């Protein structure tokens, strides 16, 4: 698995030491507000998530990175690529996503990590197109998505949770590093 360094972050493979800090992030209701149905995730569910992230790297050649601060080595969240299998109409797409602990919001880390992941997708992995999916009311994610140069394509409803989502996309011809 690849590592990516940005000016302030290291996007890297998952380690056993990441389970507890990620489970603490996943236990925060405000962090999880816009993820799935908004439910928090416990330690076991977080372990399953990390296992799934590792499997996607093996299966797809891309996946979700652990994101840590370069200076301290502290895990601040995740960012990466996945096939949005919970959304059947998008299963032929590759989705970019991120999730950071609340204490790391508002400092540009999400945009920094997401930009690095998008560049990795389009330049390193040779993908022609990447999508992002956000709840209609998730202004913070829409802000990051806008900084990536992605444009809104359509609105859909989550097939299980029945929440309105907006699908954004960018293709290689639109991307400017």
C-alpha atoms as a PDB file:
ATOM      1  CA  UNK A   1       0.000   0.000   0.000  1.00  0.00           C
ATOM      2  CA  UNK A   2       1.116   3.505  -0.828  1.00  0.00           C
ATOM      3  CA  UNK A   3       1.957   6.338   1.531  1.00  0.00           C
ATOM      4  CA  UNK A   4       1.296   9.954   0.632  1.00  0.00           C
ATOM      5  CA  UNK A   5       2.895  12.935   2.334  1.00  0.00           C
ATOM      6  CA  UNK A   6       1.388  16.385   2.225  1.00  0.00           C
ATOM      7  CA  UNK A   7       2.827  19.469   3.923  1.00  0.00           C
ATOM      8  CA  UNK A   8       1.152  18.519   7.234  1.00  0.00           C
ATOM      9  CA  UNK A   9      -0.179  14.988   6.874  1.00  0.00           C
ATOM     10  CA  UNK A  10       0.832  11.401   6.254  1.00  0.00           C
ATOM     11  CA  UNK A  11      -1.729   9.193   4.527  1.00  0.00           C
ATOM     12  CA  UNK A  12      -0.601   5.651   5.274  1.00  0.00           C
ATOM     13  CA  UNK A  13      -1.604   2.021   5.779  1.00  0.00           C
ATOM     14  CA  UNK A  14      -3.581   1.078   8.870  1.00  0.00           C
ATOM     15  CA  UNK A  15      -1.814  -0.324  11.940  1.00  0.00           C
ATOM     16  CA  UNK A  16      -3.070  -2.062  15.076  1.00  0.00           C
ATOM     17  CA  UNK A  17      -2.430   1.160  16.998  1.00  0.00           C
ATOM     18  CA  UNK A  18      -5.103   2.942  14.933  1.00  0.00           C
ATOM     19  CA  UNK A  19      -8.067   0.940  16.223  1.00  0.00           C
ATOM     20  CA  UNK A  20      -8.663   2.812  19.486  1.00  0.00           C
ATOM     21  CA  UNK A  21      -8.176   6.356  18.125  1.00  0.00           C
ATOM     22  CA  UNK A  22     -10.403   5.655  15.100  1.00  0.00           C
ATOM     23  CA  UNK A  23     -13.058   4.084  17.317  1.00  0.00           C
ATOM     24  CA  UNK A  24     -13.019   7.265  19.429  1.00  0.00           C
ATOM     25  CA  UNK A  25     -13.581   9.338  16.283  1.00  0.00           C
ATOM     26  CA  UNK A  26     -16.363   6.957  15.196  1.00  0.00           C
ATOM     27  CA  UNK A  27     -18.014   7.208  18.638  1.00  0.00           C
ATOM     28  CA  UNK A  28     -18.541  10.961  18.291  1.00  0.00           C
ATOM     29  CA  UNK A  29     -22.145  11.653  17.234  1.00  0.00           C
ATOM     30  CA  UNK A  30     -21.234  14.965  15.631  1.00  0.00           C
ATOM     31  CA  UNK A  31     -18.501  13.340  13.510  1.00  0.00           C
ATOM     32  CA  UNK A  32     -20.845  10.554  12.414  1.00  0.00           C
ATOM     33  CA  UNK A  33     -23.815  12.848  11.809  1.00  0.00           C
ATOM     34  CA  UNK A  34     -23.433  12.714   8.012  1.00  0.00           C
ATOM     35  CA  UNK A  35     -22.142   9.121   7.711  1.00  0.00           C
ATOM     36  CA  UNK A  36     -24.747   6.543   6.697  1.00  0.00           C
ATOM     37  CA  UNK A  37     -27.717   6.910   9.022  1.00  0.00           C
ATOM     38  CA  UNK A  38     -25.702   8.948  11.533  1.00  0.00           C
ATOM     39  CA  UNK A  39     -25.106   6.071  13.939  1.00  0.00           C
ATOM     40  CA  UNK A  40     -21.894   5.934  15.923  1.00  0.00           C
ATOM     41  CA  UNK A  41     -19.643   2.878  15.571  1.00  0.00           C
ATOM     42  CA  UNK A  42     -18.180   0.876  18.439  1.00  0.00           C
ATOM     43  CA  UNK A  43     -14.754  -0.744  18.724  1.00  0.00           C
ATOM     44  CA  UNK A  44     -15.800  -3.992  16.998  1.00  0.00           C
ATOM     45  CA  UNK A  45     -17.496  -2.163  14.125  1.00  0.00           C
ATOM     46  CA  UNK A  46     -14.428   0.044  13.719  1.00  0.00           C
ATOM     47  CA  UNK A  47     -12.219  -3.050  13.574  1.00  0.00           C
ATOM     48  CA  UNK A  48     -14.477  -4.435  10.825  1.00  0.00           C
ATOM     49  CA  UNK A  49     -14.175  -1.121   8.965  1.00  0.00           C
ATOM     50  CA  UNK A  50     -10.373  -1.218   9.074  1.00  0.00           C
ATOM     51  CA  UNK A  51     -10.398  -4.823   7.872  1.00  0.00           C
ATOM     52  CA  UNK A  52     -12.667  -3.817   4.978  1.00  0.00           C
ATOM     53  CA  UNK A  53     -10.355  -0.898   4.115  1.00  0.00           C
ATOM     54  CA  UNK A  54      -7.382  -3.304   3.946  1.00  0.00           C
ATOM     55  CA  UNK A  55      -9.341  -5.769   1.795  1.00  0.00           C
ATOM     56  CA  UNK A  56     -10.280  -3.032  -0.664  1.00  0.00           C
ATOM     57  CA  UNK A  57      -6.595  -2.207  -1.139  1.00  0.00           C
ATOM     58  CA  UNK A  58      -5.981  -5.872  -1.984  1.00  0.00           C
ATOM     59  CA  UNK A  59      -9.028  -6.173  -4.250  1.00  0.00           C
ATOM     60  CA  UNK A  60      -9.071  -2.795  -6.015  1.00  0.00           C
ATOM     61  CA  UNK A  61      -5.549  -1.378  -5.760  1.00  0.00           C
ATOM     62  CA  UNK A  62      -6.911   1.620  -3.857  1.00  0.00           C
ATOM     63  CA  UNK A  63      -8.631   2.167  -0.550  1.00  0.00           C
ATOM     64  CA  UNK A  64      -8.919   4.240   2.581  1.00  0.00           C
ATOM     65  CA  UNK A  65      -5.794   5.633   4.231  1.00  0.00           C
ATOM     66  CA  UNK A  66      -5.171   6.309   7.889  1.00  0.00           C
ATOM     67  CA  UNK A  67      -4.455  10.043   8.191  1.00  0.00           C
ATOM     68  CA  UNK A  68      -1.954  11.246  10.769  1.00  0.00           C
ATOM     69  CA  UNK A  69      -0.349  14.554  11.624  1.00  0.00           C
ATOM     70  CA  UNK A  70       3.245  14.588  10.414  1.00  0.00           C
ATOM     71  CA  UNK A  71       4.559  16.473  13.425  1.00  0.00           C
ATOM     72  CA  UNK A  72       3.043  14.340  16.177  1.00  0.00           C
ATOM     73  CA  UNK A  73       2.143  11.045  14.504  1.00  0.00           C
ATOM     74  CA  UNK A  74      -1.371  11.377  15.932  1.00  0.00           C
ATOM     75  CA  UNK A  75      -4.180   9.673  13.994  1.00  0.00           C
ATOM     76  CA  UNK A  76      -6.684  12.362  13.024  1.00  0.00           C
ATOM     77  CA  UNK A  77      -8.994  10.332  10.802  1.00  0.00           C
ATOM     78  CA  UNK A  78      -9.239   8.722   7.397  1.00  0.00           C
ATOM     79  CA  UNK A  79      -9.367   9.644   3.732  1.00  0.00           C
ATOM     80  CA  UNK A  80      -9.443   7.544   0.637  1.00  0.00           C
ATOM     81  CA  UNK A  81     -11.202   5.826  -2.201  1.00  0.00           C
ATOM     82  CA  UNK A  82     -13.829   3.106  -2.271  1.00  0.00           C
ATOM     83  CA  UNK A  83     -16.517   1.579  -4.412  1.00  0.00           C
ATOM     84  CA  UNK A  84     -19.795   2.912  -2.988  1.00  0.00           C
ATOM     85  CA  UNK A  85     -21.441  -0.516  -2.696  1.00  0.00           C
ATOM     86  CA  UNK A  86     -24.219   0.808  -0.447  1.00  0.00           C
ATOM     87  CA  UNK A  87     -25.438   2.875  -3.413  1.00  0.00           C
ATOM     88  CA  UNK A  88     -26.309   0.449  -6.224  1.00  0.00           C
ATOM     89  CA  UNK A  89     -26.596   3.134  -8.902  1.00  0.00           C
ATOM     90  CA  UNK A  90     -22.988   4.212  -8.186  1.00  0.00           C
ATOM     91  CA  UNK A  91     -21.343   0.782  -7.995  1.00  0.00           C
ATOM     92  CA  UNK A  92     -19.459   1.388 -11.240  1.00  0.00           C
ATOM     93  CA  UNK A  93     -17.902   4.549  -9.725  1.00  0.00           C
ATOM     94  CA  UNK A  94     -15.030   5.235  -7.330  1.00  0.00           C
ATOM     95  CA  UNK A  95     -15.886   7.514  -4.420  1.00  0.00           C
ATOM     96  CA  UNK A  96     -13.588   9.799  -2.481  1.00  0.00           C
ATOM     97  CA  UNK A  97     -14.352  10.290   1.211  1.00  0.00           C
ATOM     98  CA  UNK A  98     -12.823  11.534   4.458  1.00  0.00           C
ATOM     99  CA  UNK A  99     -13.619  11.646   8.168  1.00  0.00           C
ATOM    100  CA  UNK A 100     -11.678  13.554  10.799  1.00  0.00           C
ATOM    101  CA  UNK A 101     -11.927  13.836  14.544  1.00  0.00           C
ATOM    102  CA  UNK A 102     -13.850  16.935  15.544  1.00  0.00           C
ATOM    103  CA  UNK A 103     -10.836  18.617  17.158  1.00  0.00           C
ATOM    104  CA  UNK A 104      -9.215  18.655  13.704  1.00  0.00           C
ATOM    105  CA  UNK A 105     -12.067  20.382  11.886  1.00  0.00           C
ATOM    106  CA  UNK A 106     -11.675  23.884  10.496  1.00  0.00           C
ATOM    107  CA  UNK A 107      -7.910  23.661   9.970  1.00  0.00           C
ATOM    108  CA  UNK A 108      -7.833  22.640   6.315  1.00  0.00           C
ATOM    109  CA  UNK A 109      -6.813  19.041   7.019  1.00  0.00           C
ATOM    110  CA  UNK A 110      -9.825  17.519   5.241  1.00  0.00           C
ATOM    111  CA  UNK A 111      -9.152  19.555   2.095  1.00  0.00           C
ATOM    112  CA  UNK A 112      -5.434  18.734   2.239  1.00  0.00           C
ATOM    113  CA  UNK A 113      -6.047  14.999   2.616  1.00  0.00           C
ATOM    114  CA  UNK A 114      -8.842  14.909   0.024  1.00  0.00           C
ATOM    115  CA  UNK A 115      -6.748  16.787  -2.528  1.00  0.00           C
ATOM    116  CA  UNK A 116      -3.896  14.283  -2.050  1.00  0.00           C
ATOM    117  CA  UNK A 117      -6.319  11.369  -2.474  1.00  0.00           C
ATOM    118  CA  UNK A 118      -7.853  12.870  -5.612  1.00  0.00           C
ATOM    119  CA  UNK A 119      -4.425  13.416  -7.140  1.00  0.00           C
ATOM    120  CA  UNK A 120      -3.504   9.823  -6.227  1.00  0.00           C
ATOM    121  CA  UNK A 121      -6.700   8.533  -7.893  1.00  0.00           C
ATOM    122  CA  UNK A 122      -6.363  10.442 -11.141  1.00  0.00           C
ATOM    123  CA  UNK A 123      -2.593  10.519 -11.587  1.00  0.00           C
ATOM    124  CA  UNK A 124      -1.213   7.472  -9.782  1.00  0.00           C
ATOM    125  CA  UNK A 125      -4.063   4.970 -10.151  1.00  0.00           C
ATOM    126  CA  UNK A 126      -5.100   6.156 -13.591  1.00  0.00           C
ATOM    127  CA  UNK A 127      -8.770   6.575 -12.811  1.00  0.00           C
ATOM    128  CA  UNK A 128     -10.664   8.665 -15.342  1.00  0.00           C
ATOM    129  CA  UNK A 129     -13.353   9.815 -12.920  1.00  0.00           C
ATOM    130  CA  UNK A 130     -14.023  10.133  -9.186  1.00  0.00           C
ATOM    131  CA  UNK A 131     -17.281  10.901  -7.409  1.00  0.00           C
ATOM    132  CA  UNK A 132     -18.105  12.281  -3.980  1.00  0.00           C
ATOM    133  CA  UNK A 133     -21.417  11.757  -2.228  1.00  0.00           C
ATOM    134  CA  UNK A 134     -22.679  14.086   0.487  1.00  0.00           C
ATOM    135  CA  UNK A 135     -25.871  14.545   2.431  1.00  0.00           C
ATOM    136  CA  UNK A 136     -27.733  17.526   0.989  1.00  0.00           C
ATOM    137  CA  UNK A 137     -27.313  19.513   4.243  1.00  0.00           C
ATOM    138  CA  UNK A 138     -23.628  18.696   4.874  1.00  0.00           C
ATOM    139  CA  UNK A 139     -22.141  22.115   4.121  1.00  0.00           C
ATOM    140  CA  UNK A 140     -18.659  21.263   5.441  1.00  0.00           C
ATOM    141  CA  UNK A 141     -18.276  18.355   3.027  1.00  0.00           C
ATOM    142  CA  UNK A 142     -19.689  20.430   0.183  1.00  0.00           C
ATOM    143  CA  UNK A 143     -17.043  23.044   0.954  1.00  0.00           C
ATOM    144  CA  UNK A 144     -14.243  20.469   0.647  1.00  0.00           C
ATOM    145  CA  UNK A 145     -15.825  19.018  -2.499  1.00  0.00           C
ATOM    146  CA  UNK A 146     -15.905  22.489  -4.052  1.00  0.00           C
ATOM    147  CA  UNK A 147     -12.213  22.993  -3.287  1.00  0.00           C
ATOM    148  CA  UNK A 148     -11.505  19.762  -5.171  1.00  0.00           C
ATOM    149  CA  UNK A 149     -13.122  21.232  -8.285  1.00  0.00           C
ATOM    150  CA  UNK A 150     -15.922  18.668  -8.290  1.00  0.00           C
ATOM    151  CA  UNK A 151     -19.328  19.660  -9.631  1.00  0.00           C
ATOM    152  CA  UNK A 152     -22.788  18.513  -8.649  1.00  0.00           C
ATOM    153  CA  UNK A 153     -24.271  15.987 -11.064  1.00  0.00           C
ATOM    154  CA  UNK A 154     -27.496  14.788  -9.499  1.00  0.00           C
ATOM    155  CA  UNK A 155     -29.428  14.062  -6.355  1.00  0.00           C
ATOM    156  CA  UNK A 156     -30.351  10.578  -5.171  1.00  0.00           C
ATOM    157  CA  UNK A 157     -31.917   9.026  -2.099  1.00  0.00           C
ATOM    158  CA  UNK A 158     -29.980   6.525  -0.029  1.00  0.00           C
ATOM    159  CA  UNK A 159     -31.747   3.210  -0.723  1.00  0.00           C
ATOM    160  CA  UNK A 160     -31.736   2.088   2.925  1.00  0.00           C
ATOM    161  CA  UNK A 161     -31.651   5.236   5.054  1.00  0.00           C
ATOM    162  CA  UNK A 162     -33.851   7.312   2.738  1.00  0.00           C
ATOM    163  CA  UNK A 163     -31.785  10.451   3.132  1.00  0.00           C
ATOM    164  CA  UNK A 164     -31.227  12.835   0.223  1.00  0.00           C
ATOM    165  CA  UNK A 165     -27.709  12.780  -1.187  1.00  0.00           C
ATOM    166  CA  UNK A 166     -25.952  14.868  -3.786  1.00  0.00           C
ATOM    167  CA  UNK A 167     -23.492  13.216  -6.167  1.00  0.00           C
ATOM    168  CA  UNK A 168     -20.500  15.257  -7.316  1.00  0.00           C
ATOM    169  CA  UNK A 169     -17.922  14.253  -9.888  1.00  0.00           C
ATOM    170  CA  UNK A 170     -14.706  15.224 -11.565  1.00  0.00           C
ATOM    171  CA  UNK A 171     -12.954  13.577 -14.453  1.00  0.00           C
ATOM    172  CA  UNK A 172      -9.365  13.640 -15.519  1.00  0.00           C
ATOM    173  CA  UNK A 173      -9.999  16.280 -18.189  1.00  0.00           C
ATOM    174  CA  UNK A 174     -11.369  18.686 -15.533  1.00  0.00           C
ATOM    175  CA  UNK A 175      -8.720  18.038 -12.893  1.00  0.00           C
ATOM    176  CA  UNK A 176      -6.077  20.650 -12.215  1.00  0.00           C
ATOM    177  CA  UNK A 177      -3.356  19.544  -9.775  1.00  0.00           C
END
